[in-house]
Every structure is written in structure tokens, then in C-alpha cells.
Amino acid sequence: MRGSEFAELKAFVAVVDRASFARAADHLGLSRSALSQIIRQLESRLGVRLLNRTTRSVSPTEPGRRLHERMAPMLRDMDEAVAQAVGTSARAAGTLRINTLSMAAKKVIAPRLGRFAKAHPDVVLDIVIDDGLSDIAGEGFDAGIRVGGRLHKDMVAVRLTPDIELLAVASPDYLARRGEPKTPVDLSHHACINWRFPGSGKVAGWEFKQKGKEVEFFGDGTVTANHQDIIVPAALQGLGILYAYNDDGIAEALQDGRLKRVLSDWSPTVPGLYLYYSSRRYLLPALRAFIDCLLDRDLGSEGPSKSGTNP
């Protein structure tokens, strides 16, 4: 394969992986016009249209999909073979793309950004906050951060935090008006502030456990949203009962009395936050350095957990 042919195929895979000429051009360090010209050259050489283009989206044609299915794994294997040849002692450099929950971005990543940048000035962090469960490999991310119970089986998982409490909370004013539920069944008489999963659009059920008994509840209310910045203020303003992870905003509101916890004997803990990456990918130096920073191993610490699957 000539160098120009390899560059064309690499450009094509980058466009399909990111479903965007703009994002692929940024990744490859090219202008959009130069990338478009490369793709046109590839289509002309092969004699087939590989991409459907509109003003808002780009997607592979059927021949393009088949070519991507064969070429993408081969190119990733080549990149990883080169990275592995360089060795784990190589300098951390390049762009590191991370897909993360907003909760993890706030609690785990943001406090360490300055320290990581100072220690690894040649690494560019590209952080995408996404409360859905994205296909990190298919969308070109190097790693993701999610709650442990929602990880795919073929991922290497690194525990970042201890298990997380689920809390049912409401404002004292709401509870004074409507009363306190004693069991999950009582929630049918209450307004429930619901969480909608980004991506799928499904409304999350409320899972309760007590003495081996499990109950899943779906309630009605006046507010449904897919972000903490909406559902927590809704609870603070007395619009209903909220069932959510114990993040900083809820913990502070409980401490100062703006929220009150209910159904505490029914509310379980769930697996904590994990960083995960494809088991089929070689661990790049930049990602290893990022993991060490999140676990505070770059400070000589063993990290916040010893029970995760550490690389």
C-alpha cells in the first residue's frame, strides 16, 4: 500500500468514527477542505461513494460501512503495535479523549486538571461530558468514566471511587405538605422528580432493596430531566421526591437542612465510578498517566480504592 492510499483510508476511518468531517479534521490536524479532498480522491480511486453527506451529518454508505468494518480494526491494531513498540516508558503526549459522566467530571477530573497539565504538558485532554452510555471505541474515545454497574463486559475497568449511595430526598416544605413515605409503595401518592437517560430517552426506574427484597418503582411527577442541574433544584424548590446519586449538591443540602432524606432503609448503594477502556487496546502512555493522576498515584498514593482492576 502506497503512503497516499494509507492516508486516504486513515482519513476515511476517522470521519466514520467521529461521524463528522470537522471532528475528524481536528483529530488528523487537517483543514476540512483538505480532508474532503482526500475522501474524494479515495472514492474516485475505488470508483464508489463511501459517505452520505448532508449539511448536518455524515454517515457511511453500504460499501463504506463494509470498508470501515474491515479497515478500522486493522488501523487500530497498527496504531497500537507502534505504541507498544515505543514501550510503557514513553513520554505521555498527544490528544487523550475522555467520555465522562458530569458527576465524575466534577468530583474526580476537575480538581486534578492543573496537576495533570503541569506534569504532562504535551498531553491535550479532550473531555466530553455525556450522561448516556456511549460506545467509546466506536466514537473514537480513549476511555470513559461511568458507574460500575453499567459497564460493558469487554472493558478493562479501573475503580476510581468507593460505592455510591442512592438517596431519596425532598424538601422539608414538600414533606410537611404531603407526608413522608415509609415504603416504596407509598411513593404512588407522591410527585416524583424523574431522570431520563440521555441517548435512549428512557426514564429511569427507582430500584429499592431491603432484606433481600427488591422493588422497582416508576412514578409520575411534574419534572423529568437528564441533568443534575435541573432535578436537584426541582427538589430544593419543593416539587417532589428525588431519587439520585449522593453528589455534592445533595450532600450539602442535606447538611444544611434544605433537603431531608426518606426511605433510607430501602435505599441501596451502587458500584462507584470506574474508568474503563477497551480490552482490545494497548494502554497508551497518556492514558496510563491520566489514570495515575485520577488515583493520586502520581503523588505516591495507592489511590482511593484497591479493589478495582488496575492496569
C-alpha atoms as a PDB file:
ATOM      1  CA  MET A   1       0.000   0.000   0.000  1.00  0.00           C
ATOM      2  CA  ARG A   2       1.376   3.372  -1.022  1.00  0.00           C
ATOM      3  CA  GLY A   3       1.615   6.160   1.535  1.00  0.00           C
ATOM      4  CA  SER A   4      -1.162   8.181  -0.108  1.00  0.00           C
ATOM      5  CA  GLU A   5      -3.512   5.186  -0.067  1.00  0.00           C
ATOM      6  CA  PHE A   6      -2.840   4.591   3.621  1.00  0.00           C
ATOM      7  CA  ALA A   7      -3.517   8.281   4.390  1.00  0.00           C
ATOM      8  CA  GLU A   8      -6.811   8.119   2.478  1.00  0.00           C
ATOM      9  CA  LEU A   9      -8.018   5.069   4.384  1.00  0.00           C
ATOM     10  CA  LYS A  10      -6.951   6.533   7.715  1.00  0.00           C
ATOM     11  CA  ALA A  11      -8.846   9.726   6.905  1.00  0.00           C
ATOM     12  CA  PHE A  12     -11.954   7.754   5.908  1.00  0.00           C
ATOM     13  CA  VAL A  13     -11.935   5.746   9.155  1.00  0.00           C
ATOM     14  CA  ALA A  14     -11.506   8.936  11.191  1.00  0.00           C
ATOM     15  CA  VAL A  15     -14.580  10.520   9.544  1.00  0.00           C
ATOM     16  CA  VAL A  16     -16.780   7.467  10.143  1.00  0.00           C
ATOM     17  CA  ASP A  17     -15.546   7.004  13.722  1.00  0.00           C
ATOM     18  CA  ARG A  18     -16.449  10.581  14.603  1.00  0.00           C
ATOM     19  CA  ALA A  19     -19.466  10.986  12.275  1.00  0.00           C
ATOM     20  CA  SER A  20     -18.101  14.430  11.466  1.00  0.00           C
ATOM     21  CA  PHE A  21     -15.667  15.980   8.986  1.00  0.00           C
ATOM     22  CA  ALA A  22     -14.918  18.764  11.467  1.00  0.00           C
ATOM     23  CA  ARG A  23     -14.002  16.450  14.366  1.00  0.00           C
ATOM     24  CA  ALA A  24     -12.024  14.141  12.076  1.00  0.00           C
ATOM     25  CA  ALA A  25     -10.119  17.101  10.608  1.00  0.00           C
ATOM     26  CA  ASP A  26      -9.224  18.328  14.104  1.00  0.00           C
ATOM     27  CA  HIS A  27      -8.069  14.832  15.065  1.00  0.00           C
ATOM     28  CA  LEU A  28      -5.896  14.477  11.962  1.00  0.00           C
ATOM     29  CA  GLY A  29      -4.557  18.033  12.068  1.00  0.00           C
ATOM     30  CA  LEU A  30      -6.010  18.892   8.666  1.00  0.00           C
ATOM     31  CA  SER A  31      -8.321  21.563   7.337  1.00  0.00           C
ATOM     32  CA  ARG A  32     -11.856  20.470   6.472  1.00  0.00           C
ATOM     33  CA  SER A  33     -11.296  21.242   2.795  1.00  0.00           C
ATOM     34  CA  ALA A  34      -8.115  19.141   2.715  1.00  0.00           C
ATOM     35  CA  LEU A  35      -9.917  16.235   4.395  1.00  0.00           C
ATOM     36  CA  SER A  36     -12.828  16.488   1.947  1.00  0.00           C
ATOM     37  CA  GLN A  37     -10.364  16.375  -0.949  1.00  0.00           C
ATOM     38  CA  ILE A  38      -8.691  13.249   0.477  1.00  0.00           C
ATOM     39  CA  ILE A  39     -12.055  11.469   0.779  1.00  0.00           C
ATOM     40  CA  ARG A  40     -12.978  12.454  -2.802  1.00  0.00           C
ATOM     41  CA  GLN A  41      -9.664  11.031  -4.008  1.00  0.00           C
ATOM     42  CA  LEU A  42     -10.353   7.751  -2.186  1.00  0.00           C
ATOM     43  CA  GLU A  43     -13.873   7.493  -3.636  1.00  0.00           C
ATOM     44  CA  SER A  44     -12.545   8.281  -7.116  1.00  0.00           C
ATOM     45  CA  ARG A  45      -9.776   5.689  -6.831  1.00  0.00           C
ATOM     46  CA  LEU A  46     -12.202   2.982  -5.649  1.00  0.00           C
ATOM     47  CA  GLY A  47     -14.971   4.025  -8.008  1.00  0.00           C
ATOM     48  CA  VAL A  48     -17.668   4.006  -5.307  1.00  0.00           C
ATOM     49  CA  ARG A  49     -19.316   6.539  -2.999  1.00  0.00           C
ATOM     50  CA  LEU A  50     -18.346   5.781   0.596  1.00  0.00           C
ATOM     51  CA  LEU A  51     -20.099   8.549   2.551  1.00  0.00           C
ATOM     52  CA  ASN A  52     -23.525  10.150   2.604  1.00  0.00           C
ATOM     53  CA  ARG A  53     -23.098  13.858   3.313  1.00  0.00           C
ATOM     54  CA  THR A  54     -25.656  16.446   4.388  1.00  0.00           C
ATOM     55  CA  THR A  55     -25.212  19.898   5.867  1.00  0.00           C
ATOM     56  CA  ARG A  56     -25.738  18.409   9.349  1.00  0.00           C
ATOM     57  CA  SER A  57     -24.428  14.856   9.273  1.00  0.00           C
ATOM     58  CA  VAL A  58     -22.194  12.323   7.588  1.00  0.00           C
ATOM     59  CA  SER A  59     -22.700   8.552   7.526  1.00  0.00           C
ATOM     60  CA  PRO A  60     -21.237   5.638   5.567  1.00  0.00           C
ATOM     61  CA  THR A  61     -22.987   4.160   2.545  1.00  0.00           C
ATOM     62  CA  GLU A  62     -23.324   0.378   2.477  1.00  0.00           C
ATOM     63  CA  PRO A  63     -19.945  -0.039   0.681  1.00  0.00           C
ATOM     64  CA  GLY A  64     -18.493   2.495   3.140  1.00  0.00           C
ATOM     65  CA  ARG A  65     -19.843   0.559   6.115  1.00  0.00           C
ATOM     66  CA  ARG A  66     -18.291  -2.672   4.843  1.00  0.00           C
ATOM     67  CA  LEU A  67     -14.947  -0.975   4.216  1.00  0.00           C
ATOM     68  CA  HIS A  68     -14.988   0.619   7.686  1.00  0.00           C
ATOM     69  CA  GLU A  69     -15.761  -2.709   9.364  1.00  0.00           C
ATOM     70  CA  ARG A  70     -12.629  -4.229   7.821  1.00  0.00           C
ATOM     71  CA  MET A  71     -10.267  -1.274   7.934  1.00  0.00           C
ATOM     72  CA  ALA A  72     -10.977   0.267  11.358  1.00  0.00           C
ATOM     73  CA  PRO A  73      -9.717  -2.731  13.397  1.00  0.00           C
ATOM     74  CA  MET A  74      -6.647  -3.046  11.149  1.00  0.00           C
ATOM     75  CA  LEU A  75      -5.695   0.607  11.569  1.00  0.00           C
ATOM     76  CA  ARG A  76      -6.260   0.476  15.346  1.00  0.00           C
ATOM     77  CA  ASP A  77      -4.059  -2.629  15.528  1.00  0.00           C
ATOM     78  CA  MET A  78      -1.331  -0.814  13.590  1.00  0.00           C
ATOM     79  CA  ASP A  79      -1.515   2.234  15.876  1.00  0.00           C
ATOM     80  CA  GLU A  80      -1.396   0.050  18.971  1.00  0.00           C
ATOM     81  CA  ALA A  81       1.510  -2.006  17.603  1.00  0.00           C
ATOM     82  CA  VAL A  82       3.513   1.192  17.137  1.00  0.00           C
ATOM     83  CA  ALA A  83       2.564   2.407  20.634  1.00  0.00           C
ATOM     84  CA  GLN A  84       3.533  -0.917  22.184  1.00  0.00           C
ATOM     85  CA  ALA A  85       6.857  -0.874  20.364  1.00  0.00           C
ATOM     86  CA  VAL A  86       7.598   2.512  21.881  1.00  0.00           C
ATOM     87  CA  GLY A  87       7.128   0.941  25.324  1.00  0.00           C
ATOM     88  CA  THR A  88       5.409   1.933  28.555  1.00  0.00           C
ATOM     89  CA  SER A  89       8.271   4.246  29.497  1.00  0.00           C
ATOM     90  CA  ALA A  90       7.498   6.530  26.560  1.00  0.00           C
ATOM     91  CA  ARG A  91       6.686  10.170  27.197  1.00  0.00           C
ATOM     92  CA  ALA A  92       2.978  10.876  27.586  1.00  0.00           C
ATOM     93  CA  ALA A  93       1.928  13.044  24.645  1.00  0.00           C
ATOM     94  CA  GLY A  94      -0.858  13.606  22.141  1.00  0.00           C
ATOM     95  CA  THR A  95      -4.603  14.068  22.499  1.00  0.00           C
ATOM     96  CA  LEU A  96      -6.448  11.955  25.075  1.00  0.00           C
ATOM     97  CA  ARG A  97     -10.221  11.774  24.504  1.00  0.00           C
ATOM     98  CA  ILE A  98     -12.291  11.000  27.619  1.00  0.00           C
ATOM     99  CA  ASN A  99     -16.066  10.476  27.750  1.00  0.00           C
ATOM    100  CA  THR A 100     -17.354  11.019  31.291  1.00  0.00           C
ATOM    101  CA  LEU A 101     -20.398  11.454  33.459  1.00  0.00           C
ATOM    102  CA  SER A 102     -20.934  15.019  34.658  1.00  0.00           C
ATOM    103  CA  MET A 103     -20.676  13.778  38.245  1.00  0.00           C
ATOM    104  CA  ALA A 104     -17.251  12.255  37.553  1.00  0.00           C
ATOM    105  CA  ALA A 105     -16.073  15.355  35.694  1.00  0.00           C
ATOM    106  CA  LYS A 106     -16.924  17.499  38.711  1.00  0.00           C
ATOM    107  CA  LYS A 107     -15.756  15.204  41.511  1.00  0.00           C
ATOM    108  CA  VAL A 108     -12.780  13.347  40.009  1.00  0.00           C
ATOM    109  CA  ILE A 109     -11.384  15.132  36.951  1.00  0.00           C
ATOM    110  CA  ALA A 110     -11.823  18.874  37.565  1.00  0.00           C
ATOM    111  CA  PRO A 111      -9.861  19.008  40.869  1.00  0.00           C
ATOM    112  CA  ARG A 112      -6.852  17.366  39.178  1.00  0.00           C
ATOM    113  CA  LEU A 113      -6.705  19.228  35.859  1.00  0.00           C
ATOM    114  CA  GLY A 114      -3.976  21.642  36.908  1.00  0.00           C
ATOM    115  CA  ARG A 115      -1.765  18.953  38.384  1.00  0.00           C
ATOM    116  CA  PHE A 116      -2.092  16.755  35.304  1.00  0.00           C
ATOM    117  CA  ALA A 117      -1.344  19.627  32.925  1.00  0.00           C
ATOM    118  CA  LYS A 118       1.750  20.588  34.906  1.00  0.00           C
ATOM    119  CA  ALA A 119       3.068  17.020  34.975  1.00  0.00           C
ATOM    120  CA  HIS A 120       2.216  16.222  31.340  1.00  0.00           C
ATOM    121  CA  PRO A 121       2.305  19.444  29.286  1.00  0.00           C
ATOM    122  CA  ASP A 122       2.392  17.549  25.976  1.00  0.00           C
ATOM    123  CA  VAL A 123      -0.980  15.853  26.555  1.00  0.00           C
ATOM    124  CA  VAL A 124      -4.148  17.571  25.330  1.00  0.00           C
ATOM    125  CA  LEU A 125      -7.232  16.469  27.272  1.00  0.00           C
ATOM    126  CA  ASP A 126     -10.390  16.369  25.151  1.00  0.00           C
ATOM    127  CA  ILE A 127     -13.148  15.780  27.714  1.00  0.00           C
ATOM    128  CA  VAL A 128     -16.733  15.163  26.618  1.00  0.00           C
ATOM    129  CA  ILE A 129     -19.390  15.211  29.353  1.00  0.00           C
ATOM    130  CA  ASP A 130     -22.053  12.668  28.448  1.00  0.00           C
ATOM    131  CA  ASP A 131     -24.516  11.118  30.899  1.00  0.00           C
ATOM    132  CA  GLY A 132     -25.504   8.434  28.406  1.00  0.00           C
ATOM    133  CA  LEU A 133     -23.595   5.183  27.858  1.00  0.00           C
ATOM    134  CA  SER A 134     -21.578   5.887  24.721  1.00  0.00           C
ATOM    135  CA  ASP A 135     -19.668   3.368  22.638  1.00  0.00           C
ATOM    136  CA  ILE A 136     -16.241   4.763  23.449  1.00  0.00           C
ATOM    137  CA  ALA A 137     -14.360   2.629  20.920  1.00  0.00           C
ATOM    138  CA  GLY A 138     -16.814   3.269  18.098  1.00  0.00           C
ATOM    139  CA  GLU A 139     -16.851   7.020  18.755  1.00  0.00           C
ATOM    140  CA  GLY A 140     -13.098   7.431  18.975  1.00  0.00           C
ATOM    141  CA  PHE A 141     -12.658   7.877  22.734  1.00  0.00           C
ATOM    142  CA  ASP A 142      -9.634   6.506  24.548  1.00  0.00           C
ATOM    143  CA  ALA A 143     -11.564   5.890  27.793  1.00  0.00           C
ATOM    144  CA  GLY A 144     -14.840   6.548  29.553  1.00  0.00           C
ATOM    145  CA  ILE A 145     -15.937   7.050  33.153  1.00  0.00           C
ATOM    146  CA  ARG A 146     -19.211   5.523  34.344  1.00  0.00           C
ATOM    147  CA  VAL A 147     -20.881   3.943  37.357  1.00  0.00           C
ATOM    148  CA  GLY A 148     -19.561   0.391  37.585  1.00  0.00           C
ATOM    149  CA  GLY A 149     -22.840  -1.453  37.113  1.00  0.00           C
ATOM    150  CA  ARG A 150     -23.300  -0.020  33.612  1.00  0.00           C
ATOM    151  CA  LEU A 151     -20.035  -1.149  32.003  1.00  0.00           C
ATOM    152  CA  HIS A 152     -19.782  -3.485  29.024  1.00  0.00           C
ATOM    153  CA  LYS A 153     -18.180  -6.874  29.659  1.00  0.00           C
ATOM    154  CA  ASP A 154     -15.279  -6.436  27.219  1.00  0.00           C
ATOM    155  CA  MET A 155     -13.815  -3.431  29.024  1.00  0.00           C
ATOM    156  CA  VAL A 156     -10.885  -3.101  31.410  1.00  0.00           C
ATOM    157  CA  ALA A 157     -12.264  -1.271  34.466  1.00  0.00           C
ATOM    158  CA  VAL A 158     -10.309   0.790  36.990  1.00  0.00           C
ATOM    159  CA  ARG A 159     -12.176   1.707  40.164  1.00  0.00           C
ATOM    160  CA  LEU A 160     -11.919   5.415  40.963  1.00  0.00           C
ATOM    161  CA  THR A 161     -14.262   5.798  43.952  1.00  0.00           C
ATOM    162  CA  PRO A 162     -15.933   3.696  46.642  1.00  0.00           C
ATOM    163  CA  ASP A 163     -19.536   2.594  46.158  1.00  0.00           C
ATOM    164  CA  ILE A 164     -22.104   5.385  45.865  1.00  0.00           C
ATOM    165  CA  GLU A 165     -25.292   5.795  47.899  1.00  0.00           C
ATOM    166  CA  LEU A 166     -28.665   6.274  46.261  1.00  0.00           C
ATOM    167  CA  LEU A 167     -30.762   8.743  48.213  1.00  0.00           C
ATOM    168  CA  ALA A 168     -34.476   9.545  48.208  1.00  0.00           C
ATOM    169  CA  VAL A 169     -34.752  13.195  49.236  1.00  0.00           C
ATOM    170  CA  ALA A 170     -37.292  16.006  49.329  1.00  0.00           C
ATOM    171  CA  SER A 171     -37.580  19.490  50.777  1.00  0.00           C
ATOM    172  CA  PRO A 172     -38.971  19.812  54.326  1.00  0.00           C
ATOM    173  CA  ASP A 173     -41.728  22.004  52.895  1.00  0.00           C
ATOM    174  CA  TYR A 174     -42.834  19.298  50.456  1.00  0.00           C
ATOM    175  CA  LEU A 175     -42.815  16.617  53.165  1.00  0.00           C
ATOM    176  CA  ALA A 176     -44.802  18.843  55.520  1.00  0.00           C
ATOM    177  CA  ARG A 177     -47.479  19.191  52.834  1.00  0.00           C
ATOM    178  CA  ARG A 178     -47.530  15.614  51.521  1.00  0.00           C
ATOM    179  CA  GLY A 179     -46.170  13.469  54.337  1.00  0.00           C
ATOM    180  CA  GLU A 180     -43.184  11.114  54.395  1.00  0.00           C
ATOM    181  CA  PRO A 181     -43.287   7.786  52.522  1.00  0.00           C
ATOM    182  CA  LYS A 182     -42.496   4.789  54.712  1.00  0.00           C
ATOM    183  CA  THR A 183     -42.194   2.187  51.928  1.00  0.00           C
ATOM    184  CA  PRO A 184     -41.692   2.395  48.135  1.00  0.00           C
ATOM    185  CA  VAL A 185     -45.404   1.630  47.699  1.00  0.00           C
ATOM    186  CA  ASP A 186     -46.205   4.967  49.369  1.00  0.00           C
ATOM    187  CA  LEU A 187     -44.451   6.790  46.504  1.00  0.00           C
ATOM    188  CA  SER A 188     -47.533   6.240  44.321  1.00  0.00           C
ATOM    189  CA  HIS A 189     -49.161   9.061  46.317  1.00  0.00           C
ATOM    190  CA  HIS A 190     -46.245  11.447  45.756  1.00  0.00           C
ATOM    191  CA  ALA A 191     -44.823  13.627  42.990  1.00  0.00           C
ATOM    192  CA  CYS A 192     -41.593  12.072  41.721  1.00  0.00           C
ATOM    193  CA  ILE A 193     -38.781  14.010  40.034  1.00  0.00           C
ATOM    194  CA  ASN A 194     -37.557  11.667  37.309  1.00  0.00           C
ATOM    195  CA  TRP A 195     -34.274  11.133  35.493  1.00  0.00           C
ATOM    196  CA  ARG A 196     -34.264  10.477  31.750  1.00  0.00           C
ATOM    197  CA  PHE A 197     -31.261   8.658  30.297  1.00  0.00           C
ATOM    198  CA  PRO A 198     -29.529  10.731  27.595  1.00  0.00           C
ATOM    199  CA  GLY A 199     -29.332   8.883  24.311  1.00  0.00           C
ATOM    200  CA  SER A 200     -32.003   6.234  24.880  1.00  0.00           C
ATOM    201  CA  GLY A 201     -34.541   8.693  26.273  1.00  0.00           C
ATOM    202  CA  LYS A 202     -35.814   6.128  28.783  1.00  0.00           C
ATOM    203  CA  VAL A 203     -36.989   7.260  32.211  1.00  0.00           C
ATOM    204  CA  ALA A 204     -35.007   5.538  34.957  1.00  0.00           C
ATOM    205  CA  GLY A 205     -36.823   3.271  37.363  1.00  0.00           C
ATOM    206  CA  TRP A 206     -36.203   3.657  41.091  1.00  0.00           C
ATOM    207  CA  GLU A 207     -34.645   0.479  42.474  1.00  0.00           C
ATOM    208  CA  PHE A 208     -35.077  -0.190  46.191  1.00  0.00           C
ATOM    209  CA  LYS A 209     -33.769  -3.065  48.322  1.00  0.00           C
ATOM    210  CA  GLN A 210     -34.457  -4.228  51.862  1.00  0.00           C
ATOM    211  CA  LYS A 211     -33.556  -7.569  53.454  1.00  0.00           C
ATOM    212  CA  GLY A 212     -33.216  -9.328  50.111  1.00  0.00           C
ATOM    213  CA  LYS A 213     -36.439  -7.863  48.707  1.00  0.00           C
ATOM    214  CA  GLU A 214     -36.084  -5.771  45.553  1.00  0.00           C
ATOM    215  CA  VAL A 215     -38.665  -3.264  44.301  1.00  0.00           C
ATOM    216  CA  GLU A 216     -38.553  -1.192  41.113  1.00  0.00           C
ATOM    217  CA  PHE A 217     -40.832   1.844  41.045  1.00  0.00           C
ATOM    218  CA  PHE A 218     -41.846   4.184  38.208  1.00  0.00           C
ATOM    219  CA  GLY A 219     -43.512   7.350  39.460  1.00  0.00           C
ATOM    220  CA  ASP A 220     -45.232  10.380  37.976  1.00  0.00           C
ATOM    221  CA  GLY A 221     -44.386  13.999  38.653  1.00  0.00           C
ATOM    222  CA  THR A 222     -44.127  17.459  37.177  1.00  0.00           C
ATOM    223  CA  VAL A 223     -40.396  17.390  36.307  1.00  0.00           C
ATOM    224  CA  THR A 224     -38.327  14.953  34.231  1.00  0.00           C
ATOM    225  CA  ALA A 225     -34.801  15.856  33.116  1.00  0.00           C
ATOM    226  CA  ASN A 226     -31.457  14.375  32.145  1.00  0.00           C
ATOM    227  CA  HIS A 227     -29.158  16.556  34.235  1.00  0.00           C
ATOM    228  CA  GLN A 228     -28.499  17.166  37.923  1.00  0.00           C
ATOM    229  CA  ASP A 229     -28.635  20.920  37.365  1.00  0.00           C
ATOM    230  CA  ILE A 230     -32.400  20.597  36.844  1.00  0.00           C
ATOM    231  CA  ILE A 231     -33.530  17.755  39.086  1.00  0.00           C
ATOM    232  CA  VAL A 232     -31.723  18.870  42.248  1.00  0.00           C
ATOM    233  CA  PRO A 233     -33.132  22.438  42.138  1.00  0.00           C
ATOM    234  CA  ALA A 234     -36.570  20.919  41.477  1.00  0.00           C
ATOM    235  CA  ALA A 235     -36.304  19.001  44.752  1.00  0.00           C
ATOM    236  CA  LEU A 236     -34.990  22.063  46.599  1.00  0.00           C
ATOM    237  CA  GLN A 237     -37.991  24.058  45.371  1.00  0.00           C
ATOM    238  CA  GLY A 238     -40.440  21.516  46.778  1.00  0.00           C
ATOM    239  CA  LEU A 239     -41.634  19.950  43.528  1.00  0.00           C
ATOM    240  CA  GLY A 240     -41.411  16.366  44.712  1.00  0.00           C
ATOM    241  CA  ILE A 241     -39.217  13.481  45.823  1.00  0.00           C
ATOM    242  CA  LEU A 242     -35.908  12.905  44.055  1.00  0.00           C
ATOM    243  CA  TYR A 243     -34.020   9.588  43.924  1.00  0.00           C
ATOM    244  CA  ALA A 244     -30.429  10.141  42.836  1.00  0.00           C
ATOM    245  CA  TYR A 245     -26.743   9.550  43.472  1.00  0.00           C
ATOM    246  CA  ASN A 246     -25.361  11.326  46.512  1.00  0.00           C
ATOM    247  CA  ASP A 247     -23.467  14.108  44.782  1.00  0.00           C
ATOM    248  CA  ASP A 248     -22.038  17.239  46.371  1.00  0.00           C
ATOM    249  CA  GLY A 249     -25.159  19.339  45.831  1.00  0.00           C
ATOM    250  CA  ILE A 250     -27.424  16.840  47.575  1.00  0.00           C
ATOM    251  CA  ALA A 251     -24.965  16.226  50.420  1.00  0.00           C
ATOM    252  CA  GLU A 252     -24.669  19.959  51.135  1.00  0.00           C
ATOM    253  CA  ALA A 253     -28.448  20.440  51.024  1.00  0.00           C
ATOM    254  CA  LEU A 254     -28.944  17.571  53.467  1.00  0.00           C
ATOM    255  CA  GLN A 255     -26.325  19.008  55.801  1.00  0.00           C
ATOM    256  CA  ASP A 256     -27.875  22.468  55.949  1.00  0.00           C
ATOM    257  CA  GLY A 257     -31.457  21.202  56.128  1.00  0.00           C
ATOM    258  CA  ARG A 258     -32.709  22.273  52.695  1.00  0.00           C
ATOM    259  CA  LEU A 259     -33.353  18.602  51.850  1.00  0.00           C
ATOM    260  CA  LYS A 260     -34.424  15.710  54.041  1.00  0.00           C
ATOM    261  CA  ARG A 261     -33.766  12.039  53.379  1.00  0.00           C
ATOM    262  CA  VAL A 262     -36.613   9.482  53.262  1.00  0.00           C
ATOM    263  CA  LEU A 263     -36.730   5.701  52.716  1.00  0.00           C
ATOM    264  CA  SER A 264     -33.144   5.403  53.933  1.00  0.00           C
ATOM    265  CA  ASP A 265     -33.666   1.774  54.972  1.00  0.00           C
ATOM    266  CA  TRP A 266     -34.763   0.929  51.425  1.00  0.00           C
ATOM    267  CA  SER A 267     -32.023   2.789  49.517  1.00  0.00           C
ATOM    268  CA  PRO A 268     -29.046   0.654  48.384  1.00  0.00           C
ATOM    269  CA  THR A 269     -25.510   1.539  47.423  1.00  0.00           C
ATOM    270  CA  VAL A 270     -24.377   1.017  43.829  1.00  0.00           C
ATOM    271  CA  PRO A 271     -20.918   0.386  42.337  1.00  0.00           C
ATOM    272  CA  GLY A 272     -18.766   3.508  42.351  1.00  0.00           C
ATOM    273  CA  LEU A 273     -17.172   5.360  39.464  1.00  0.00           C
ATOM    274  CA  TYR A 274     -14.889   3.419  37.142  1.00  0.00           C
ATOM    275  CA  LEU A 275     -12.635   4.481  34.318  1.00  0.00           C
ATOM    276  CA  TYR A 276     -12.860   1.936  31.526  1.00  0.00           C
ATOM    277  CA  TYR A 277     -11.205   1.298  28.182  1.00  0.00           C
ATOM    278  CA  SER A 278     -11.318  -1.424  25.562  1.00  0.00           C
ATOM    279  CA  SER A 279      -9.526  -4.630  26.476  1.00  0.00           C
ATOM    280  CA  ARG A 280      -8.500  -4.841  22.824  1.00  0.00           C
ATOM    281  CA  ARG A 281      -6.464  -1.644  23.010  1.00  0.00           C
ATOM    282  CA  TYR A 282      -2.910  -1.151  24.234  1.00  0.00           C
ATOM    283  CA  LEU A 283      -2.701   1.191  27.213  1.00  0.00           C
ATOM    284  CA  LEU A 284      -1.169   4.376  25.839  1.00  0.00           C
ATOM    285  CA  PRO A 285       1.323   6.320  27.999  1.00  0.00           C
ATOM    286  CA  ALA A 286      -1.005   9.337  28.135  1.00  0.00           C
ATOM    287  CA  LEU A 287      -3.912   7.217  29.396  1.00  0.00           C
ATOM    288  CA  ARG A 288      -1.709   5.472  31.956  1.00  0.00           C
ATOM    289  CA  ALA A 289      -0.579   8.890  33.231  1.00  0.00           C
ATOM    290  CA  PHE A 290      -4.204  10.091  33.392  1.00  0.00           C
ATOM    291  CA  ILE A 291      -5.250   7.040  35.402  1.00  0.00           C
ATOM    292  CA  ASP A 292      -2.331   7.542  37.796  1.00  0.00           C
ATOM    293  CA  CYS A 293      -3.413  11.164  38.297  1.00  0.00           C
ATOM    294  CA  LEU A 294      -7.068  10.275  38.974  1.00  0.00           C
ATOM    295  CA  LEU A 295      -5.953   7.694  41.533  1.00  0.00           C
ATOM    296  CA  ASP A 296      -3.426  10.137  43.022  1.00  0.00           C
ATOM    297  CA  ARG A 297      -0.669   7.627  42.331  1.00  0.00           C
ATOM    298  CA  ASP A 298       1.393  10.462  40.903  1.00  0.00           C
ATOM    299  CA  LEU A 299       1.540  11.772  44.480  1.00  0.00           C
ATOM    300  CA  GLY A 300       2.822   8.481  45.815  1.00  0.00           C
ATOM    301  CA  SER A 301      -0.629   7.378  46.977  1.00  0.00           C
ATOM    302  CA  GLU A 302      -2.124   3.942  46.357  1.00  0.00           C
ATOM    303  CA  GLY A 303      -5.318   5.648  45.207  1.00  0.00           C
ATOM    304  CA  PRO A 304      -8.817   5.728  46.641  1.00  0.00           C
ATOM    305  CA  SER A 305      -9.500   2.027  46.029  1.00  0.00           C
ATOM    306  CA  LYS A 306      -7.612  -1.245  45.927  1.00  0.00           C
ATOM    307  CA  SER A 307     -10.488  -3.340  44.600  1.00  0.00           C
ATOM    308  CA  GLY A 308     -10.592  -2.091  41.022  1.00  0.00           C
ATOM    309  CA  THR A 309      -8.961  -3.808  38.063  1.00  0.00           C
ATOM    310  CA  ASN A 310      -5.851  -1.689  37.769  1.00  0.00           C
ATOM    311  CA  PRO A 311      -3.727  -1.722  34.616  1.00  0.00           C
END
